Amino acid sequence: MPEYLVLLKLNPTKLMETLGAIRNMDAQPVSGVDLLYSMNIFGSWDVGMWINAEESGQALDFVQKKMKGLNGVTEVYTLPTFPHGNGIKNGKTSEEQKHPLET
């Protein structure tokens, strides 16, 4: 299932209200979309959200209906991403990930 990174800019005067609405969002805000987690970002963007969507149309539906209409959101930028799935975590192979005392 494709993953998407949704970046948000927020109105500073509505920051806490908007963050509260994002934190209280359903785990499945629209059909076919799973909200994996949200995070504060410091810099050009204020919030990042990772979502899974069965189809790109459902991700668009989430962005258009839920995020752009959310009071306090001033800008939305969505990036489709695809996990590598190559078995490497943090730059280590599965053998290197084992605890040194494990055999």
N, C-alpha and C. Protein backbone atom coordinates (compact mmCIF):
# COMPACT_ATOMS: atom_id res chain seq x y z
N MET A 1 0.85 -1.17 0.00
CA MET A 1 0.00 0.00 0.00
C MET A 1 0.90 1.24 0.00
N PRO A 2 0.72 2.14 -0.96
CA PRO A 2 1.55 3.35 -1.00
C PRO A 2 1.38 4.21 0.24
N GLU A 3 2.48 4.83 0.64
CA GLU A 3 2.47 5.76 1.75
C GLU A 3 2.64 7.17 1.22
N TYR A 4 2.09 8.11 1.95
CA TYR A 4 2.17 9.52 1.57
C TYR A 4 2.62 10.32 2.77
N LEU A 5 3.46 11.30 2.51
CA LEU A 5 3.84 12.28 3.51
C LEU A 5 3.07 13.55 3.19
N VAL A 6 2.25 13.99 4.12
CA VAL A 6 1.45 15.20 3.94
C VAL A 6 2.05 16.28 4.84
N LEU A 7 2.53 17.36 4.23
CA LEU A 7 3.13 18.47 4.97
C LEU A 7 2.13 19.61 5.06
N LEU A 8 2.05 20.22 6.23
CA LEU A 8 1.08 21.28 6.48
C LEU A 8 1.75 22.54 7.02
N LYS A 9 1.27 23.68 6.55
CA LYS A 9 1.60 24.97 7.17
C LYS A 9 0.34 25.42 7.89
N LEU A 10 0.52 25.92 9.10
CA LEU A 10 -0.61 26.31 9.93
C LEU A 10 -0.61 27.80 10.20
N ASN A 11 -1.80 28.33 10.38
CA ASN A 11 -1.97 29.71 10.79
C ASN A 11 -1.48 29.82 12.25
N PRO A 12 -0.48 30.65 12.52
CA PRO A 12 0.06 30.73 13.88
C PRO A 12 -0.98 31.11 14.94
N THR A 13 -2.01 31.85 14.56
CA THR A 13 -3.01 32.25 15.54
C THR A 13 -3.97 31.11 15.88
N LYS A 14 -3.95 30.05 15.10
CA LYS A 14 -4.83 28.89 15.34
C LYS A 14 -4.04 27.62 15.56
N LEU A 15 -2.78 27.76 15.88
CA LEU A 15 -1.86 26.64 15.99
C LEU A 15 -2.37 25.55 16.93
N MET A 16 -2.66 25.89 18.16
CA MET A 16 -3.06 24.88 19.16
C MET A 16 -4.39 24.23 18.79
N GLU A 17 -5.32 25.02 18.29
CA GLU A 17 -6.62 24.48 17.86
C GLU A 17 -6.44 23.47 16.72
N THR A 18 -5.62 23.82 15.75
CA THR A 18 -5.40 22.95 14.60
C THR A 18 -4.64 21.69 15.00
N LEU A 19 -3.61 21.85 15.82
CA LEU A 19 -2.86 20.68 16.30
C LEU A 19 -3.77 19.73 17.07
N GLY A 20 -4.67 20.27 17.88
CA GLY A 20 -5.62 19.44 18.63
C GLY A 20 -6.53 18.66 17.69
N ALA A 21 -7.00 19.30 16.63
CA ALA A 21 -7.87 18.62 15.66
C ALA A 21 -7.11 17.51 14.94
N ILE A 22 -5.85 17.75 14.63
CA ILE A 22 -5.04 16.72 13.96
C ILE A 22 -4.79 15.56 14.90
N ARG A 23 -4.45 15.85 16.15
CA ARG A 23 -4.17 14.79 17.13
C ARG A 23 -5.40 13.94 17.43
N ASN A 24 -6.59 14.52 17.30
CA ASN A 24 -7.83 13.79 17.58
C ASN A 24 -8.47 13.19 16.34
N MET A 25 -7.78 13.24 15.22
CA MET A 25 -8.32 12.71 13.97
C MET A 25 -8.43 11.19 14.06
N ASP A 26 -9.47 10.65 13.43
CA ASP A 26 -9.67 9.19 13.41
C ASP A 26 -8.49 8.49 12.74
N ALA A 27 -8.24 7.26 13.13
CA ALA A 27 -7.18 6.46 12.52
C ALA A 27 -7.47 6.19 11.05
N GLN A 28 -8.74 6.19 10.68
CA GLN A 28 -9.14 6.04 9.28
C GLN A 28 -10.05 7.24 8.94
N PRO A 29 -9.44 8.39 8.62
CA PRO A 29 -10.20 9.62 8.44
C PRO A 29 -11.13 9.62 7.23
N VAL A 30 -10.78 8.89 6.17
CA VAL A 30 -11.65 8.68 5.02
C VAL A 30 -11.49 7.23 4.57
N SER A 31 -12.44 6.74 3.84
CA SER A 31 -12.41 5.36 3.37
C SER A 31 -11.13 5.08 2.59
N GLY A 32 -10.45 4.00 2.95
CA GLY A 32 -9.25 3.58 2.25
C GLY A 32 -7.97 4.26 2.68
N VAL A 33 -8.05 5.14 3.67
CA VAL A 33 -6.86 5.87 4.15
C VAL A 33 -6.64 5.56 5.62
N ASP A 34 -5.42 5.18 5.95
CA ASP A 34 -5.02 4.98 7.35
C ASP A 34 -4.04 6.06 7.74
N LEU A 35 -4.33 6.76 8.83
CA LEU A 35 -3.41 7.75 9.38
C LEU A 35 -2.42 7.01 10.27
N LEU A 36 -1.17 6.96 9.85
CA LEU A 36 -0.15 6.24 10.61
C LEU A 36 0.31 7.04 11.82
N TYR A 37 0.69 8.30 11.60
CA TYR A 37 1.02 9.19 12.70
C TYR A 37 1.22 10.60 12.18
N SER A 38 1.24 11.53 13.11
CA SER A 38 1.52 12.93 12.77
C SER A 38 2.66 13.40 13.67
N MET A 39 3.35 14.45 13.19
CA MET A 39 4.50 14.95 13.94
C MET A 39 4.64 16.44 13.74
N ASN A 40 5.14 17.13 14.74
CA ASN A 40 5.49 18.54 14.61
C ASN A 40 6.80 18.63 13.85
N ILE A 41 6.89 19.64 13.00
CA ILE A 41 8.11 19.88 12.24
C ILE A 41 8.52 21.33 12.50
N PHE A 42 9.79 21.56 12.68
CA PHE A 42 10.28 22.91 12.89
C PHE A 42 11.02 23.34 11.64
N GLY A 43 10.59 24.44 11.05
CA GLY A 43 11.20 24.92 9.82
C GLY A 43 10.13 25.49 8.91
N SER A 44 10.23 25.18 7.63
CA SER A 44 9.29 25.71 6.65
C SER A 44 7.88 25.17 6.81
N TRP A 45 7.75 23.95 7.32
CA TRP A 45 6.45 23.31 7.53
C TRP A 45 6.22 23.16 9.02
N ASP A 46 4.96 23.03 9.42
CA ASP A 46 4.62 22.92 10.84
C ASP A 46 4.29 21.51 11.28
N VAL A 47 3.65 20.75 10.38
CA VAL A 47 3.18 19.41 10.72
C VAL A 47 3.44 18.47 9.55
N GLY A 48 3.80 17.25 9.87
CA GLY A 48 3.90 16.19 8.87
C GLY A 48 2.99 15.05 9.28
N MET A 49 2.37 14.43 8.29
CA MET A 49 1.48 13.29 8.56
C MET A 49 1.84 12.16 7.59
N TRP A 50 2.00 10.96 8.12
CA TRP A 50 2.21 9.78 7.27
C TRP A 50 0.87 9.07 7.15
N ILE A 51 0.47 8.81 5.91
CA ILE A 51 -0.77 8.07 5.67
C ILE A 51 -0.50 6.94 4.69
N ASN A 52 -1.32 5.91 4.77
CA ASN A 52 -1.39 4.85 3.76
C ASN A 52 -2.69 5.04 3.04
N ALA A 53 -2.69 4.80 1.73
CA ALA A 53 -3.92 4.89 0.96
C ALA A 53 -3.95 3.74 -0.03
N GLU A 54 -5.11 3.09 -0.14
CA GLU A 54 -5.24 1.98 -1.08
C GLU A 54 -5.06 2.47 -2.51
N GLU A 55 -5.59 3.65 -2.82
CA GLU A 55 -5.49 4.22 -4.16
C GLU A 55 -5.15 5.71 -4.04
N SER A 56 -4.51 6.24 -5.07
CA SER A 56 -4.12 7.65 -5.02
C SER A 56 -5.35 8.57 -4.91
N GLY A 57 -6.48 8.17 -5.49
CA GLY A 57 -7.70 8.97 -5.38
C GLY A 57 -8.16 9.11 -3.94
N GLN A 58 -7.95 8.09 -3.14
CA GLN A 58 -8.33 8.15 -1.74
C GLN A 58 -7.40 9.09 -0.96
N ALA A 59 -6.12 9.10 -1.31
CA ALA A 59 -5.20 10.04 -0.68
C ALA A 59 -5.59 11.47 -1.04
N LEU A 60 -5.95 11.69 -2.29
CA LEU A 60 -6.42 13.01 -2.73
C LEU A 60 -7.68 13.41 -1.99
N ASP A 61 -8.57 12.46 -1.81
CA ASP A 61 -9.82 12.72 -1.08
C ASP A 61 -9.52 13.17 0.35
N PHE A 62 -8.57 12.49 0.99
CA PHE A 62 -8.16 12.86 2.35
C PHE A 62 -7.62 14.29 2.39
N VAL A 63 -6.73 14.60 1.45
CA VAL A 63 -6.12 15.93 1.43
C VAL A 63 -7.17 17.00 1.14
N GLN A 64 -8.01 16.77 0.15
CA GLN A 64 -9.01 17.77 -0.25
C GLN A 64 -10.10 17.96 0.80
N LYS A 65 -10.63 16.85 1.32
CA LYS A 65 -11.78 16.94 2.23
C LYS A 65 -11.40 17.17 3.69
N LYS A 66 -10.33 16.55 4.12
CA LYS A 66 -9.98 16.63 5.55
C LYS A 66 -8.95 17.71 5.86
N MET A 67 -7.89 17.76 5.08
CA MET A 67 -6.80 18.65 5.44
C MET A 67 -6.99 20.08 4.95
N LYS A 68 -7.37 20.26 3.70
CA LYS A 68 -7.53 21.63 3.18
C LYS A 68 -8.71 22.33 3.82
N GLY A 69 -9.69 21.58 4.31
CA GLY A 69 -10.84 22.19 4.95
C GLY A 69 -10.68 22.37 6.45
N LEU A 70 -9.57 21.90 7.00
CA LEU A 70 -9.34 21.99 8.44
C LEU A 70 -9.00 23.43 8.82
N ASN A 71 -9.74 23.96 9.77
CA ASN A 71 -9.55 25.33 10.22
C ASN A 71 -8.12 25.52 10.72
N GLY A 72 -7.40 26.48 10.14
CA GLY A 72 -6.04 26.77 10.56
C GLY A 72 -4.98 26.25 9.61
N VAL A 73 -5.35 25.39 8.66
CA VAL A 73 -4.39 24.90 7.68
C VAL A 73 -4.31 25.92 6.55
N THR A 74 -3.12 26.43 6.28
CA THR A 74 -2.97 27.44 5.24
C THR A 74 -2.36 26.88 3.95
N GLU A 75 -1.62 25.77 4.07
CA GLU A 75 -1.01 25.18 2.89
C GLU A 75 -0.79 23.69 3.12
N VAL A 76 -0.97 22.90 2.05
CA VAL A 76 -0.78 21.45 2.11
C VAL A 76 0.09 21.03 0.94
N TYR A 77 1.06 20.16 1.23
CA TYR A 77 1.92 19.61 0.19
C TYR A 77 2.01 18.12 0.42
N THR A 78 1.67 17.33 -0.60
CA THR A 78 1.62 15.88 -0.44
C THR A 78 2.67 15.21 -1.31
N LEU A 79 3.41 14.28 -0.71
CA LEU A 79 4.46 13.54 -1.41
C LEU A 79 4.13 12.05 -1.38
N PRO A 80 3.94 11.42 -2.53
CA PRO A 80 3.78 9.97 -2.53
C PRO A 80 5.15 9.33 -2.28
N THR A 81 5.19 8.33 -1.43
CA THR A 81 6.44 7.63 -1.13
C THR A 81 6.19 6.14 -1.23
N PHE A 82 7.24 5.39 -1.43
CA PHE A 82 7.13 3.95 -1.52
C PHE A 82 8.27 3.33 -0.72
N PRO A 83 7.94 2.48 0.26
CA PRO A 83 8.99 1.86 1.08
C PRO A 83 9.92 1.02 0.21
N HIS A 84 11.19 0.99 0.56
CA HIS A 84 12.16 0.21 -0.21
C HIS A 84 11.91 -1.28 -0.06
N GLY A 85 11.59 -1.72 1.15
CA GLY A 85 11.32 -3.14 1.37
C GLY A 85 12.52 -4.02 1.09
N ASN A 86 13.74 -3.49 1.29
CA ASN A 86 14.93 -4.27 0.97
C ASN A 86 15.53 -4.98 2.18
N GLY A 87 14.84 -4.94 3.31
CA GLY A 87 15.31 -5.66 4.48
C GLY A 87 16.40 -4.94 5.27
N ILE A 88 16.75 -3.75 4.88
CA ILE A 88 17.79 -3.00 5.60
C ILE A 88 17.11 -1.99 6.51
N LYS A 89 17.47 -2.02 7.76
CA LYS A 89 16.91 -1.11 8.75
C LYS A 89 18.06 -0.33 9.36
N ASN A 90 17.98 0.99 9.29
CA ASN A 90 19.02 1.87 9.83
C ASN A 90 20.39 1.56 9.23
N GLY A 91 20.40 1.15 7.95
CA GLY A 91 21.67 0.90 7.27
C GLY A 91 22.31 -0.41 7.62
N LYS A 92 21.63 -1.29 8.35
CA LYS A 92 22.20 -2.58 8.75
C LYS A 92 21.39 -3.72 8.14
N THR A 93 22.06 -4.78 7.78
CA THR A 93 21.36 -5.97 7.30
C THR A 93 20.72 -6.68 8.49
N SER A 94 19.86 -7.64 8.22
CA SER A 94 19.19 -8.35 9.31
C SER A 94 20.19 -9.06 10.22
N GLU A 95 21.31 -9.54 9.68
CA GLU A 95 22.34 -10.18 10.50
C GLU A 95 23.01 -9.16 11.43
N GLU A 96 23.25 -7.97 10.93
CA GLU A 96 23.91 -6.93 11.72
C GLU A 96 22.99 -6.35 12.79
N GLN A 97 21.67 -6.51 12.61
CA GLN A 97 20.72 -5.97 13.55
C GLN A 97 20.63 -6.81 14.82
N LYS A 98 21.06 -8.05 14.76
CA LYS A 98 20.99 -8.91 15.94
C LYS A 98 21.86 -8.36 17.05
N HIS A 99 21.42 -8.62 18.26
CA HIS A 99 22.17 -8.21 19.44
C HIS A 99 23.51 -8.97 19.44
N PRO A 100 24.62 -8.34 19.83
CA PRO A 100 25.93 -8.99 19.80
C PRO A 100 25.99 -10.27 20.60
N LEU A 101 25.19 -10.41 21.65
CA LEU A 101 25.23 -11.63 22.47
C LEU A 101 24.37 -12.75 21.92
N GLU A 102 23.54 -12.44 20.92
CA GLU A 102 22.71 -13.48 20.31
C GLU A 102 23.55 -14.29 19.34
N THR A 103 23.23 -15.58 19.25
CA THR A 103 23.92 -16.44 18.29
C THR A 103 22.95 -17.12 17.39
